[in-house]
Amino acid sequence: MSPDSGGSPLLDAEGQVVGMNIENYSSATSNLRDSDISFAIPSNSLIKIIPSLLSKGYFLHPWLGAAGADVTPNIAKAINLAEDRGFLVISVANLSPAKKAGILG
């Protein structure tokens, strides 16, 4: 990992701030700058996160608490579904919003 640009603004082509760079990754085996990968947080997410960080010191990320897979043609065939679309819930975490909503795995 490289310390370059962490915390700096992410700008669009017009110079407008659209996010914040949080980390850059450079391959140790490459000297090519075009092989670097940067990670950023979009500004619309920052607007939600920063007030909580300032007032509470943390941000609780929303979560569903269900794990599964997209329904593929093979999955649909294996469980005799008429259509190969949707999400197959495999497991639900205890005390999760999914569990409270009655979603079953």
N, C-alpha and C. Protein backbone atom coordinates (compact mmCIF):
# COMPACT_ATOMS: atom_id res chain seq x y z
N MET A 1 0.84 -1.18 0.00
CA MET A 1 0.00 0.00 0.00
C MET A 1 0.88 1.24 0.00
N SER A 2 0.37 2.27 -0.61
CA SER A 2 1.10 3.52 -0.69
C SER A 2 0.36 4.60 0.09
N PRO A 3 1.08 5.46 0.81
CA PRO A 3 0.41 6.51 1.57
C PRO A 3 -0.05 7.68 0.71
N ASP A 4 0.28 7.70 -0.56
CA ASP A 4 -0.07 8.82 -1.43
C ASP A 4 -1.57 9.01 -1.53
N SER A 5 -2.02 10.23 -1.41
CA SER A 5 -3.39 10.66 -1.69
C SER A 5 -4.44 10.22 -0.67
N GLY A 6 -4.12 9.49 0.35
CA GLY A 6 -5.11 9.11 1.35
C GLY A 6 -5.67 10.34 2.04
N GLY A 7 -6.99 10.50 2.01
CA GLY A 7 -7.64 11.65 2.63
C GLY A 7 -7.77 12.84 1.72
N SER A 8 -7.25 12.75 0.50
CA SER A 8 -7.35 13.87 -0.42
C SER A 8 -8.69 13.81 -1.17
N PRO A 9 -9.15 14.95 -1.70
CA PRO A 9 -10.42 14.94 -2.42
C PRO A 9 -10.31 14.21 -3.75
N LEU A 10 -11.40 13.57 -4.14
CA LEU A 10 -11.51 12.93 -5.45
C LEU A 10 -12.28 13.90 -6.33
N LEU A 11 -11.68 14.31 -7.44
CA LEU A 11 -12.28 15.32 -8.31
C LEU A 11 -12.74 14.71 -9.62
N ASP A 12 -13.83 15.29 -10.18
CA ASP A 12 -14.25 14.88 -11.51
C ASP A 12 -13.54 15.75 -12.55
N ALA A 13 -13.87 15.58 -13.82
CA ALA A 13 -13.20 16.30 -14.90
C ALA A 13 -13.39 17.81 -14.82
N GLU A 14 -14.46 18.26 -14.17
CA GLU A 14 -14.72 19.70 -14.02
C GLU A 14 -14.12 20.27 -12.73
N GLY A 15 -13.44 19.44 -11.95
CA GLY A 15 -12.83 19.91 -10.71
C GLY A 15 -13.77 19.91 -9.51
N GLN A 16 -14.94 19.30 -9.65
CA GLN A 16 -15.89 19.20 -8.55
C GLN A 16 -15.51 18.02 -7.65
N VAL A 17 -15.64 18.21 -6.34
CA VAL A 17 -15.36 17.13 -5.40
C VAL A 17 -16.49 16.10 -5.47
N VAL A 18 -16.13 14.85 -5.75
CA VAL A 18 -17.13 13.78 -5.84
C VAL A 18 -16.87 12.67 -4.83
N GLY A 19 -15.83 12.84 -4.01
CA GLY A 19 -15.53 11.83 -3.01
C GLY A 19 -14.22 12.13 -2.32
N MET A 20 -13.76 11.15 -1.51
CA MET A 20 -12.50 11.28 -0.80
C MET A 20 -11.68 10.02 -1.02
N ASN A 21 -10.44 10.21 -1.48
CA ASN A 21 -9.52 9.08 -1.63
C ASN A 21 -9.16 8.56 -0.25
N ILE A 22 -9.20 7.26 -0.07
CA ILE A 22 -8.87 6.70 1.24
C ILE A 22 -7.64 5.81 1.21
N GLU A 23 -7.29 5.29 0.05
CA GLU A 23 -6.13 4.39 -0.02
C GLU A 23 -5.73 4.22 -1.47
N ASN A 24 -4.46 4.06 -1.69
CA ASN A 24 -3.93 3.72 -3.00
C ASN A 24 -3.11 2.44 -2.87
N TYR A 25 -3.17 1.62 -3.89
CA TYR A 25 -2.41 0.38 -3.89
C TYR A 25 -1.51 0.37 -5.12
N SER A 26 -0.25 0.12 -4.91
CA SER A 26 0.71 -0.03 -6.00
C SER A 26 1.37 -1.40 -5.87
N SER A 27 1.44 -2.10 -6.98
CA SER A 27 2.11 -3.39 -6.97
C SER A 27 3.59 -3.19 -6.69
N ALA A 28 4.12 -3.95 -5.78
CA ALA A 28 5.54 -3.83 -5.43
C ALA A 28 6.44 -4.27 -6.59
N THR A 29 5.87 -5.05 -7.51
CA THR A 29 6.67 -5.56 -8.62
C THR A 29 6.56 -4.69 -9.87
N SER A 30 5.79 -3.60 -9.81
CA SER A 30 5.59 -2.77 -10.98
C SER A 30 5.97 -1.32 -10.70
N ASN A 31 6.65 -0.71 -11.66
CA ASN A 31 6.97 0.71 -11.58
C ASN A 31 6.01 1.53 -12.43
N LEU A 32 4.99 0.92 -12.97
CA LEU A 32 4.05 1.60 -13.84
C LEU A 32 2.95 2.26 -13.01
N ARG A 33 2.80 3.57 -13.10
CA ARG A 33 1.77 4.28 -12.33
C ARG A 33 0.36 3.91 -12.79
N ASP A 34 0.21 3.51 -14.08
CA ASP A 34 -1.13 3.17 -14.56
C ASP A 34 -1.62 1.82 -14.04
N SER A 35 -0.79 1.11 -13.28
CA SER A 35 -1.23 -0.15 -12.68
C SER A 35 -1.69 0.06 -11.24
N ASP A 36 -1.63 1.30 -10.74
CA ASP A 36 -2.09 1.59 -9.38
C ASP A 36 -3.61 1.50 -9.31
N ILE A 37 -4.10 1.16 -8.12
CA ILE A 37 -5.53 1.13 -7.85
C ILE A 37 -5.80 2.06 -6.69
N SER A 38 -6.79 2.93 -6.84
CA SER A 38 -7.17 3.84 -5.76
C SER A 38 -8.55 3.47 -5.24
N PHE A 39 -8.76 3.64 -3.95
CA PHE A 39 -10.05 3.39 -3.33
C PHE A 39 -10.57 4.71 -2.80
N ALA A 40 -11.87 4.96 -2.99
CA ALA A 40 -12.45 6.23 -2.58
C ALA A 40 -13.85 6.01 -2.01
N ILE A 41 -14.29 6.97 -1.21
CA ILE A 41 -15.65 6.98 -0.67
C ILE A 41 -16.41 8.07 -1.42
N PRO A 42 -17.58 7.75 -2.02
CA PRO A 42 -18.35 8.77 -2.72
C PRO A 42 -18.84 9.86 -1.77
N SER A 43 -18.94 11.09 -2.28
CA SER A 43 -19.34 12.21 -1.44
C SER A 43 -20.74 12.03 -0.86
N ASN A 44 -21.66 11.39 -1.59
CA ASN A 44 -23.01 11.20 -1.04
C ASN A 44 -22.99 10.25 0.16
N SER A 45 -22.03 9.35 0.24
CA SER A 45 -21.87 8.50 1.43
C SER A 45 -21.25 9.29 2.57
N LEU A 46 -20.29 10.15 2.25
CA LEU A 46 -19.63 10.95 3.28
C LEU A 46 -20.62 11.86 3.99
N ILE A 47 -21.58 12.39 3.24
CA ILE A 47 -22.60 13.28 3.83
C ILE A 47 -23.38 12.56 4.91
N LYS A 48 -23.58 11.26 4.77
CA LYS A 48 -24.30 10.47 5.76
C LYS A 48 -23.39 10.04 6.91
N ILE A 49 -22.14 9.74 6.61
CA ILE A 49 -21.23 9.15 7.59
C ILE A 49 -20.58 10.17 8.52
N ILE A 50 -20.11 11.29 7.98
CA ILE A 50 -19.34 12.25 8.76
C ILE A 50 -20.09 12.81 9.97
N PRO A 51 -21.37 13.21 9.86
CA PRO A 51 -22.05 13.72 11.06
C PRO A 51 -22.08 12.71 12.21
N SER A 52 -22.27 11.43 11.90
CA SER A 52 -22.26 10.40 12.93
C SER A 52 -20.87 10.24 13.54
N LEU A 53 -19.85 10.28 12.70
CA LEU A 53 -18.48 10.17 13.21
C LEU A 53 -18.15 11.33 14.15
N LEU A 54 -18.59 12.53 13.79
CA LEU A 54 -18.31 13.70 14.62
C LEU A 54 -19.09 13.68 15.93
N SER A 55 -20.35 13.26 15.88
CA SER A 55 -21.17 13.30 17.10
C SER A 55 -21.01 12.07 17.99
N LYS A 56 -20.83 10.88 17.39
CA LYS A 56 -20.77 9.64 18.17
C LYS A 56 -19.40 8.98 18.18
N GLY A 57 -18.59 9.30 17.17
CA GLY A 57 -17.28 8.67 17.05
C GLY A 57 -17.32 7.38 16.25
N TYR A 58 -18.49 6.99 15.73
CA TYR A 58 -18.62 5.78 14.92
C TYR A 58 -19.82 5.93 13.98
N PHE A 59 -19.93 5.02 13.04
CA PHE A 59 -21.06 4.99 12.11
C PHE A 59 -21.56 3.56 12.01
N LEU A 60 -22.83 3.34 12.27
CA LEU A 60 -23.41 2.01 12.14
C LEU A 60 -23.88 1.81 10.70
N HIS A 61 -23.24 0.89 10.00
CA HIS A 61 -23.61 0.61 8.62
C HIS A 61 -24.91 -0.18 8.59
N PRO A 62 -25.82 0.16 7.67
CA PRO A 62 -27.04 -0.65 7.54
C PRO A 62 -26.68 -2.06 7.06
N TRP A 63 -27.45 -3.03 7.51
CA TRP A 63 -27.21 -4.40 7.08
C TRP A 63 -28.51 -5.18 7.10
N LEU A 64 -28.58 -6.21 6.30
CA LEU A 64 -29.78 -7.04 6.22
C LEU A 64 -29.62 -8.28 7.08
N GLY A 65 -28.46 -8.91 7.03
CA GLY A 65 -28.23 -10.11 7.83
C GLY A 65 -28.66 -11.39 7.16
N ALA A 66 -28.75 -11.37 5.85
CA ALA A 66 -29.09 -12.58 5.10
C ALA A 66 -27.98 -12.86 4.10
N ALA A 67 -27.66 -14.11 3.92
CA ALA A 67 -26.65 -14.52 2.95
C ALA A 67 -27.29 -15.48 1.95
N GLY A 68 -26.80 -15.43 0.73
CA GLY A 68 -27.36 -16.31 -0.28
C GLY A 68 -26.69 -16.11 -1.61
N ALA A 69 -27.44 -16.37 -2.67
CA ALA A 69 -26.90 -16.28 -4.02
C ALA A 69 -27.99 -15.87 -4.99
N ASP A 70 -27.58 -15.22 -6.07
CA ASP A 70 -28.53 -14.93 -7.14
C ASP A 70 -29.00 -16.26 -7.73
N VAL A 71 -30.26 -16.31 -8.10
CA VAL A 71 -30.80 -17.52 -8.71
C VAL A 71 -30.34 -17.59 -10.16
N THR A 72 -29.57 -18.62 -10.46
CA THR A 72 -29.08 -18.86 -11.82
C THR A 72 -29.97 -19.92 -12.48
N PRO A 73 -29.83 -20.12 -13.78
CA PRO A 73 -30.60 -21.19 -14.41
C PRO A 73 -30.36 -22.56 -13.76
N ASN A 74 -29.12 -22.85 -13.36
CA ASN A 74 -28.83 -24.14 -12.72
C ASN A 74 -29.51 -24.26 -11.36
N ILE A 75 -29.48 -23.19 -10.57
CA ILE A 75 -30.15 -23.22 -9.26
C ILE A 75 -31.65 -23.37 -9.45
N ALA A 76 -32.22 -22.61 -10.36
CA ALA A 76 -33.67 -22.69 -10.61
C ALA A 76 -34.08 -24.10 -11.00
N LYS A 77 -33.28 -24.73 -11.85
CA LYS A 77 -33.59 -26.11 -12.28
C LYS A 77 -33.48 -27.08 -11.10
N ALA A 78 -32.44 -26.90 -10.28
CA ALA A 78 -32.19 -27.82 -9.17
C ALA A 78 -33.29 -27.78 -8.12
N ILE A 79 -33.90 -26.60 -7.93
CA ILE A 79 -34.95 -26.52 -6.90
C ILE A 79 -36.34 -26.30 -7.51
N ASN A 80 -36.47 -26.61 -8.80
CA ASN A 80 -37.75 -26.61 -9.52
C ASN A 80 -38.46 -25.25 -9.49
N LEU A 81 -37.71 -24.18 -9.77
CA LEU A 81 -38.33 -22.86 -9.88
C LEU A 81 -38.79 -22.63 -11.31
N ALA A 82 -39.89 -21.92 -11.47
CA ALA A 82 -40.41 -21.62 -12.80
C ALA A 82 -39.54 -20.59 -13.53
N GLU A 83 -38.87 -19.73 -12.76
CA GLU A 83 -38.05 -18.68 -13.37
C GLU A 83 -36.66 -18.67 -12.75
N ASP A 84 -35.69 -18.25 -13.53
CA ASP A 84 -34.31 -18.20 -13.04
C ASP A 84 -33.91 -16.76 -12.69
N ARG A 85 -34.63 -16.18 -11.76
CA ARG A 85 -34.32 -14.83 -11.29
C ARG A 85 -34.64 -14.72 -9.81
N GLY A 86 -34.04 -13.75 -9.17
CA GLY A 86 -34.28 -13.53 -7.75
C GLY A 86 -33.04 -13.85 -6.92
N PHE A 87 -33.27 -13.93 -5.62
CA PHE A 87 -32.19 -14.18 -4.66
C PHE A 87 -32.60 -15.34 -3.77
N LEU A 88 -31.75 -16.33 -3.67
CA LEU A 88 -32.01 -17.50 -2.83
C LEU A 88 -31.35 -17.27 -1.48
N VAL A 89 -32.16 -17.13 -0.44
CA VAL A 89 -31.62 -16.92 0.90
C VAL A 89 -31.17 -18.26 1.46
N ILE A 90 -29.89 -18.33 1.84
CA ILE A 90 -29.32 -19.57 2.36
C ILE A 90 -29.26 -19.55 3.88
N SER A 91 -28.90 -18.41 4.45
CA SER A 91 -28.85 -18.31 5.91
C SER A 91 -29.23 -16.91 6.36
N VAL A 92 -29.70 -16.83 7.60
CA VAL A 92 -30.11 -15.56 8.20
C VAL A 92 -29.45 -15.46 9.57
N ALA A 93 -28.81 -14.33 9.84
CA ALA A 93 -28.13 -14.12 11.12
C ALA A 93 -29.13 -13.88 12.24
N ASN A 94 -28.84 -14.43 13.40
CA ASN A 94 -29.68 -14.18 14.57
C ASN A 94 -29.69 -12.69 14.91
N LEU A 95 -30.79 -12.19 15.37
CA LEU A 95 -30.98 -10.79 15.76
C LEU A 95 -30.76 -9.80 14.62
N SER A 96 -30.86 -10.25 13.38
CA SER A 96 -30.66 -9.39 12.22
C SER A 96 -32.00 -8.79 11.78
N PRO A 97 -31.96 -7.73 11.00
CA PRO A 97 -33.21 -7.19 10.43
C PRO A 97 -33.94 -8.24 9.59
N ALA A 98 -33.21 -9.08 8.87
CA ALA A 98 -33.86 -10.13 8.07
C ALA A 98 -34.62 -11.09 8.96
N LYS A 99 -34.00 -11.51 10.07
CA LYS A 99 -34.65 -12.43 11.01
C LYS A 99 -35.92 -11.79 11.59
N LYS A 100 -35.78 -10.52 11.99
CA LYS A 100 -36.93 -9.79 12.56
C LYS A 100 -38.06 -9.63 11.55
N ALA A 101 -37.72 -9.57 10.25
CA ALA A 101 -38.74 -9.44 9.21
C ALA A 101 -39.36 -10.78 8.83
N GLY A 102 -38.84 -11.88 9.40
CA GLY A 102 -39.39 -13.19 9.13
C GLY A 102 -38.79 -13.90 7.93
N ILE A 103 -37.68 -13.39 7.42
CA ILE A 103 -37.00 -14.04 6.29
C ILE A 103 -36.33 -15.31 6.78
N LEU A 104 -36.50 -16.39 6.07
CA LEU A 104 -35.93 -17.67 6.44
C LEU A 104 -34.90 -18.14 5.42
N GLY A 105 -33.91 -18.88 5.88
CA GLY A 105 -32.90 -19.43 4.99
C GLY A 105 -33.27 -20.81 4.55
